[in-house]
């Protein structure tokens, strides 16, 4: 009986290590369209720190902190075009705070002179026209440049 158990254990170990016909071979590669060709993500420590502070300020609705992170001509509407003063009132009236919080949780991708979120906006083949955020360097410091839709 001990020999039979030992033989069974040896067979189980030997057959367990064999390669089986798994479905891994049948898996198809995603289409090039599914794999959006996004540009590199910004892993700079100072950029990540800026985005972290911006996320905290937005979740706390700390308008003074956010204002310090924005450019003077901050863009907040494309149609009609609006920039500068009145951004926080606009966000309150249109209940855009949750939308902004959600967009800031997305990864950022390079598009022209800006780092944008969501990364779909950086891919010209997707024609993304939803809400988006833009951040860029101004005189050596990161600045929140726009949060627009359209």
C-alpha atoms as a PDB file:
ATOM      1  CA  UNK A   1       0.000   0.000   0.000  1.00  0.00           C
ATOM      2  CA  UNK A   2       2.871   2.380   0.823  1.00  0.00           C
ATOM      3  CA  UNK A   3       4.465   1.655  -2.555  1.00  0.00           C
ATOM      4  CA  UNK A   4       1.171   2.403  -4.315  1.00  0.00           C
ATOM      5  CA  UNK A   5       0.783   5.754  -2.484  1.00  0.00           C
ATOM      6  CA  UNK A   6       4.414   6.633  -3.224  1.00  0.00           C
ATOM      7  CA  UNK A   7       3.992   5.732  -6.899  1.00  0.00           C
ATOM      8  CA  UNK A   8       0.768   7.779  -7.099  1.00  0.00           C
ATOM      9  CA  UNK A   9       2.534  10.797  -5.530  1.00  0.00           C
ATOM     10  CA  UNK A  10       5.463  10.557  -7.952  1.00  0.00           C
ATOM     11  CA  UNK A  11       3.076  10.371 -10.957  1.00  0.00           C
ATOM     12  CA  UNK A  12       1.069  13.314  -9.697  1.00  0.00           C
ATOM     13  CA  UNK A  13       4.215  15.436  -9.330  1.00  0.00           C
ATOM     14  CA  UNK A  14       5.536  14.403 -12.719  1.00  0.00           C
ATOM     15  CA  UNK A  15       2.292  15.019 -14.574  1.00  0.00           C
ATOM     16  CA  UNK A  16       1.615  18.244 -12.691  1.00  0.00           C
ATOM     17  CA  UNK A  17       4.717  19.800 -14.193  1.00  0.00           C
ATOM     18  CA  UNK A  18       3.764  18.983 -17.780  1.00  0.00           C
ATOM     19  CA  UNK A  19       2.588  21.709 -20.061  1.00  0.00           C
ATOM     20  CA  UNK A  20      -1.056  21.307 -20.945  1.00  0.00           C
ATOM     21  CA  UNK A  21      -3.082  22.638 -23.832  1.00  0.00           C
ATOM     22  CA  UNK A  22      -4.210  25.780 -22.138  1.00  0.00           C
ATOM     23  CA  UNK A  23      -6.265  28.579 -23.611  1.00  0.00           C
ATOM     24  CA  UNK A  24      -3.238  30.891 -23.426  1.00  0.00           C
ATOM     25  CA  UNK A  25      -2.370  30.011 -27.003  1.00  0.00           C
ATOM     26  CA  UNK A  26      -5.851  30.962 -28.151  1.00  0.00           C
ATOM     27  CA  UNK A  27      -5.777  34.424 -26.606  1.00  0.00           C
ATOM     28  CA  UNK A  28      -5.732  37.072 -29.280  1.00  0.00           C
ATOM     29  CA  UNK A  29      -3.617  40.151 -29.104  1.00  0.00           C
ATOM     30  CA  UNK A  30      -5.610  43.346 -28.582  1.00  0.00           C
ATOM     31  CA  UNK A  31      -6.135  45.416 -31.679  1.00  0.00           C
ATOM     32  CA  UNK A  32      -3.907  48.460 -32.160  1.00  0.00           C
ATOM     33  CA  UNK A  33      -6.975  50.651 -31.635  1.00  0.00           C
ATOM     34  CA  UNK A  34      -7.638  49.019 -28.256  1.00  0.00           C
ATOM     35  CA  UNK A  35      -4.087  49.759 -27.224  1.00  0.00           C
ATOM     36  CA  UNK A  36      -4.259  53.540 -27.432  1.00  0.00           C
ATOM     37  CA  UNK A  37      -0.842  54.778 -28.388  1.00  0.00           C
ATOM     38  CA  UNK A  38      -0.430  57.266 -25.604  1.00  0.00           C
ATOM     39  CA  UNK A  39       2.667  59.255 -25.085  1.00  0.00           C
ATOM     40  CA  UNK A  40       4.817  58.815 -22.027  1.00  0.00           C
ATOM     41  CA  UNK A  41       3.458  59.444 -18.563  1.00  0.00           C
ATOM     42  CA  UNK A  42       5.140  62.097 -16.414  1.00  0.00           C
ATOM     43  CA  UNK A  43       6.883  60.362 -13.517  1.00  0.00           C
ATOM     44  CA  UNK A  44       8.798  63.434 -12.329  1.00  0.00           C
ATOM     45  CA  UNK A  45       8.628  63.724  -8.576  1.00  0.00           C
ATOM     46  CA  UNK A  46       7.811  67.438  -8.682  1.00  0.00           C
ATOM     47  CA  UNK A  47       4.980  66.849 -11.177  1.00  0.00           C
ATOM     48  CA  UNK A  48       3.516  64.051  -9.074  1.00  0.00           C
ATOM     49  CA  UNK A  49       3.790  66.228  -5.959  1.00  0.00           C
ATOM     50  CA  UNK A  50       1.996  69.075  -7.754  1.00  0.00           C
ATOM     51  CA  UNK A  51      -0.821  66.773  -8.893  1.00  0.00           C
ATOM     52  CA  UNK A  52      -1.076  65.341  -5.372  1.00  0.00           C
ATOM     53  CA  UNK A  53      -1.437  68.827  -3.861  1.00  0.00           C
ATOM     54  CA  UNK A  54      -3.965  69.759  -6.539  1.00  0.00           C
ATOM     55  CA  UNK A  55      -6.045  66.628  -5.825  1.00  0.00           C
ATOM     56  CA  UNK A  56      -6.072  67.402  -2.106  1.00  0.00           C
ATOM     57  CA  UNK A  57      -7.018  71.030  -2.670  1.00  0.00           C
ATOM     58  CA  UNK A  58      -9.835  70.086  -5.056  1.00  0.00           C
ATOM     59  CA  UNK A  59     -11.257  67.420  -2.746  1.00  0.00           C
ATOM     60  CA  UNK A  60     -11.209  69.959   0.111  1.00  0.00           C
ATOM     61  CA  UNK A  61     -12.473  72.688  -2.235  1.00  0.00           C
ATOM     62  CA  UNK A  62      -9.640  74.881  -0.968  1.00  0.00           C
ATOM     63  CA  UNK A  63     -10.064  77.728  -3.420  1.00  0.00           C
ATOM     64  CA  UNK A  64      -7.064  79.675  -2.099  1.00  0.00           C
ATOM     65  CA  UNK A  65      -4.717  76.734  -2.632  1.00  0.00           C
ATOM     66  CA  UNK A  66      -6.171  75.990  -6.074  1.00  0.00           C
ATOM     67  CA  UNK A  67      -5.946  79.655  -7.101  1.00  0.00           C
ATOM     68  CA  UNK A  68      -2.252  79.609  -6.190  1.00  0.00           C
ATOM     69  CA  UNK A  69      -1.739  76.644  -8.506  1.00  0.00           C
ATOM     70  CA  UNK A  70      -3.584  78.187 -11.476  1.00  0.00           C
ATOM     71  CA  UNK A  71      -2.369  80.486 -14.199  1.00  0.00           C
ATOM     72  CA  UNK A  72      -3.850  84.004 -14.258  1.00  0.00           C
ATOM     73  CA  UNK A  73      -5.689  83.272 -17.497  1.00  0.00           C
ATOM     74  CA  UNK A  74      -6.980  79.849 -16.377  1.00  0.00           C
ATOM     75  CA  UNK A  75      -9.395  78.470 -18.983  1.00  0.00           C
ATOM     76  CA  UNK A  76     -12.671  77.043 -17.721  1.00  0.00           C
ATOM     77  CA  UNK A  77     -15.058  77.204 -20.675  1.00  0.00           C
ATOM     78  CA  UNK A  78     -14.633  76.807 -24.418  1.00  0.00           C
ATOM     79  CA  UNK A  79     -18.141  77.726 -25.532  1.00  0.00           C
ATOM     80  CA  UNK A  80     -18.417  80.539 -24.713  1.00  0.00           C
ATOM     81  CA  UNK A  81     -14.716  81.093 -24.094  1.00  0.00           C
ATOM     82  CA  UNK A  82     -14.098  82.013 -20.465  1.00  0.00           C
ATOM     83  CA  UNK A  83     -10.875  82.429 -18.555  1.00  0.00           C
ATOM     84  CA  UNK A  84      -9.518  84.156 -15.479  1.00  0.00           C
ATOM     85  CA  UNK A  85     -11.926  85.369 -12.796  1.00  0.00           C
ATOM     86  CA  UNK A  86     -15.151  83.545 -12.003  1.00  0.00           C
ATOM     87  CA  UNK A  87     -13.904  79.978 -12.287  1.00  0.00           C
ATOM     88  CA  UNK A  88     -14.969  78.857  -8.805  1.00  0.00           C
ATOM     89  CA  UNK A  89     -18.426  80.393  -9.183  1.00  0.00           C
ATOM     90  CA  UNK A  90     -18.750  78.620 -12.560  1.00  0.00           C
ATOM     91  CA  UNK A  91     -17.740  75.282 -10.992  1.00  0.00           C
ATOM     92  CA  UNK A  92     -20.246  75.766  -8.158  1.00  0.00           C
ATOM     93  CA  UNK A  93     -23.111  76.755 -10.462  1.00  0.00           C
ATOM     94  CA  UNK A  94     -22.491  73.814 -12.793  1.00  0.00           C
ATOM     95  CA  UNK A  95     -21.606  71.305 -10.032  1.00  0.00           C
ATOM     96  CA  UNK A  96     -18.244  70.552 -11.656  1.00  0.00           C
ATOM     97  CA  UNK A  97     -16.266  69.766  -8.497  1.00  0.00           C
ATOM     98  CA  UNK A  98     -16.989  65.997  -8.665  1.00  0.00           C
ATOM     99  CA  UNK A  99     -16.099  65.958 -12.372  1.00  0.00           C
ATOM    100  CA  UNK A 100     -12.796  67.703 -11.665  1.00  0.00           C
ATOM    101  CA  UNK A 101     -12.006  65.279  -8.840  1.00  0.00           C
ATOM    102  CA  UNK A 102     -12.675  62.348 -11.164  1.00  0.00           C
ATOM    103  CA  UNK A 103     -10.512  63.700 -13.977  1.00  0.00           C
ATOM    104  CA  UNK A 104      -7.621  64.289 -11.575  1.00  0.00           C
ATOM    105  CA  UNK A 105      -7.601  60.576 -10.675  1.00  0.00           C
ATOM    106  CA  UNK A 106      -6.740  59.745 -14.300  1.00  0.00           C
ATOM    107  CA  UNK A 107      -3.195  59.353 -15.586  1.00  0.00           C
ATOM    108  CA  UNK A 108      -1.608  62.300 -17.351  1.00  0.00           C
ATOM    109  CA  UNK A 109      -0.183  62.107 -20.857  1.00  0.00           C
ATOM    110  CA  UNK A 110       1.873  64.564 -22.895  1.00  0.00           C
ATOM    111  CA  UNK A 111       0.012  66.598 -25.512  1.00  0.00           C
ATOM    112  CA  UNK A 112       1.939  69.455 -27.112  1.00  0.00           C
ATOM    113  CA  UNK A 113       3.179  71.748 -24.320  1.00  0.00           C
ATOM    114  CA  UNK A 114       0.736  70.336 -21.758  1.00  0.00           C
ATOM    115  CA  UNK A 115       0.289  67.292 -19.570  1.00  0.00           C
ATOM    116  CA  UNK A 116      -3.352  66.345 -19.910  1.00  0.00           C
ATOM    117  CA  UNK A 117      -5.828  64.050 -18.195  1.00  0.00           C
ATOM    118  CA  UNK A 118      -7.560  61.873 -19.126  1.00  0.00           C
ATOM    119  CA  UNK A 119      -4.917  60.372 -21.413  1.00  0.00           C
ATOM    120  CA  UNK A 120      -7.513  59.736 -24.141  1.00  0.00           C
ATOM    121  CA  UNK A 121      -7.353  63.454 -24.933  1.00  0.00           C
ATOM    122  CA  UNK A 122      -3.693  63.059 -25.935  1.00  0.00           C
ATOM    123  CA  UNK A 123      -4.572  60.459 -28.582  1.00  0.00           C
ATOM    124  CA  UNK A 124      -5.734  62.314 -31.718  1.00  0.00           C
ATOM    125  CA  UNK A 125      -7.352  59.168 -33.164  1.00  0.00           C
ATOM    126  CA  UNK A 126      -9.938  59.061 -30.359  1.00  0.00           C
ATOM    127  CA  UNK A 127     -11.398  62.558 -30.926  1.00  0.00           C
ATOM    128  CA  UNK A 128     -12.020  62.934 -27.190  1.00  0.00           C
ATOM    129  CA  UNK A 129     -14.215  65.954 -26.425  1.00  0.00           C
ATOM    130  CA  UNK A 130     -15.159  65.449 -22.769  1.00  0.00           C
ATOM    131  CA  UNK A 131     -13.849  67.242 -19.705  1.00  0.00           C
ATOM    132  CA  UNK A 132     -10.086  67.516 -19.492  1.00  0.00           C
ATOM    133  CA  UNK A 133      -7.363  69.073 -17.403  1.00  0.00           C
ATOM    134  CA  UNK A 134      -4.153  70.691 -18.624  1.00  0.00           C
ATOM    135  CA  UNK A 135      -0.989  71.335 -16.619  1.00  0.00           C
ATOM    136  CA  UNK A 136       2.265  72.889 -17.826  1.00  0.00           C
ATOM    137  CA  UNK A 137       5.457  74.500 -16.561  1.00  0.00           C
ATOM    138  CA  UNK A 138       5.390  78.275 -16.281  1.00  0.00           C
ATOM    139  CA  UNK A 139       8.684  79.933 -15.317  1.00  0.00           C
ATOM    140  CA  UNK A 140       9.960  76.684 -13.802  1.00  0.00           C
ATOM    141  CA  UNK A 141       6.833  75.856 -11.758  1.00  0.00           C
ATOM    142  CA  UNK A 142       3.951  73.567 -12.561  1.00  0.00           C
ATOM    143  CA  UNK A 143       0.658  75.401 -13.147  1.00  0.00           C
ATOM    144  CA  UNK A 144      -2.950  74.308 -13.574  1.00  0.00           C
ATOM    145  CA  UNK A 145      -3.834  75.850 -16.956  1.00  0.00           C
ATOM    146  CA  UNK A 146      -7.323  74.636 -17.862  1.00  0.00           C
ATOM    147  CA  UNK A 147     -10.296  72.472 -17.023  1.00  0.00           C
ATOM    148  CA  UNK A 148     -12.704  72.527 -19.963  1.00  0.00           C
ATOM    149  CA  UNK A 149     -15.272  70.453 -21.812  1.00  0.00           C
ATOM    150  CA  UNK A 150     -15.855  70.170 -25.525  1.00  0.00           C
END
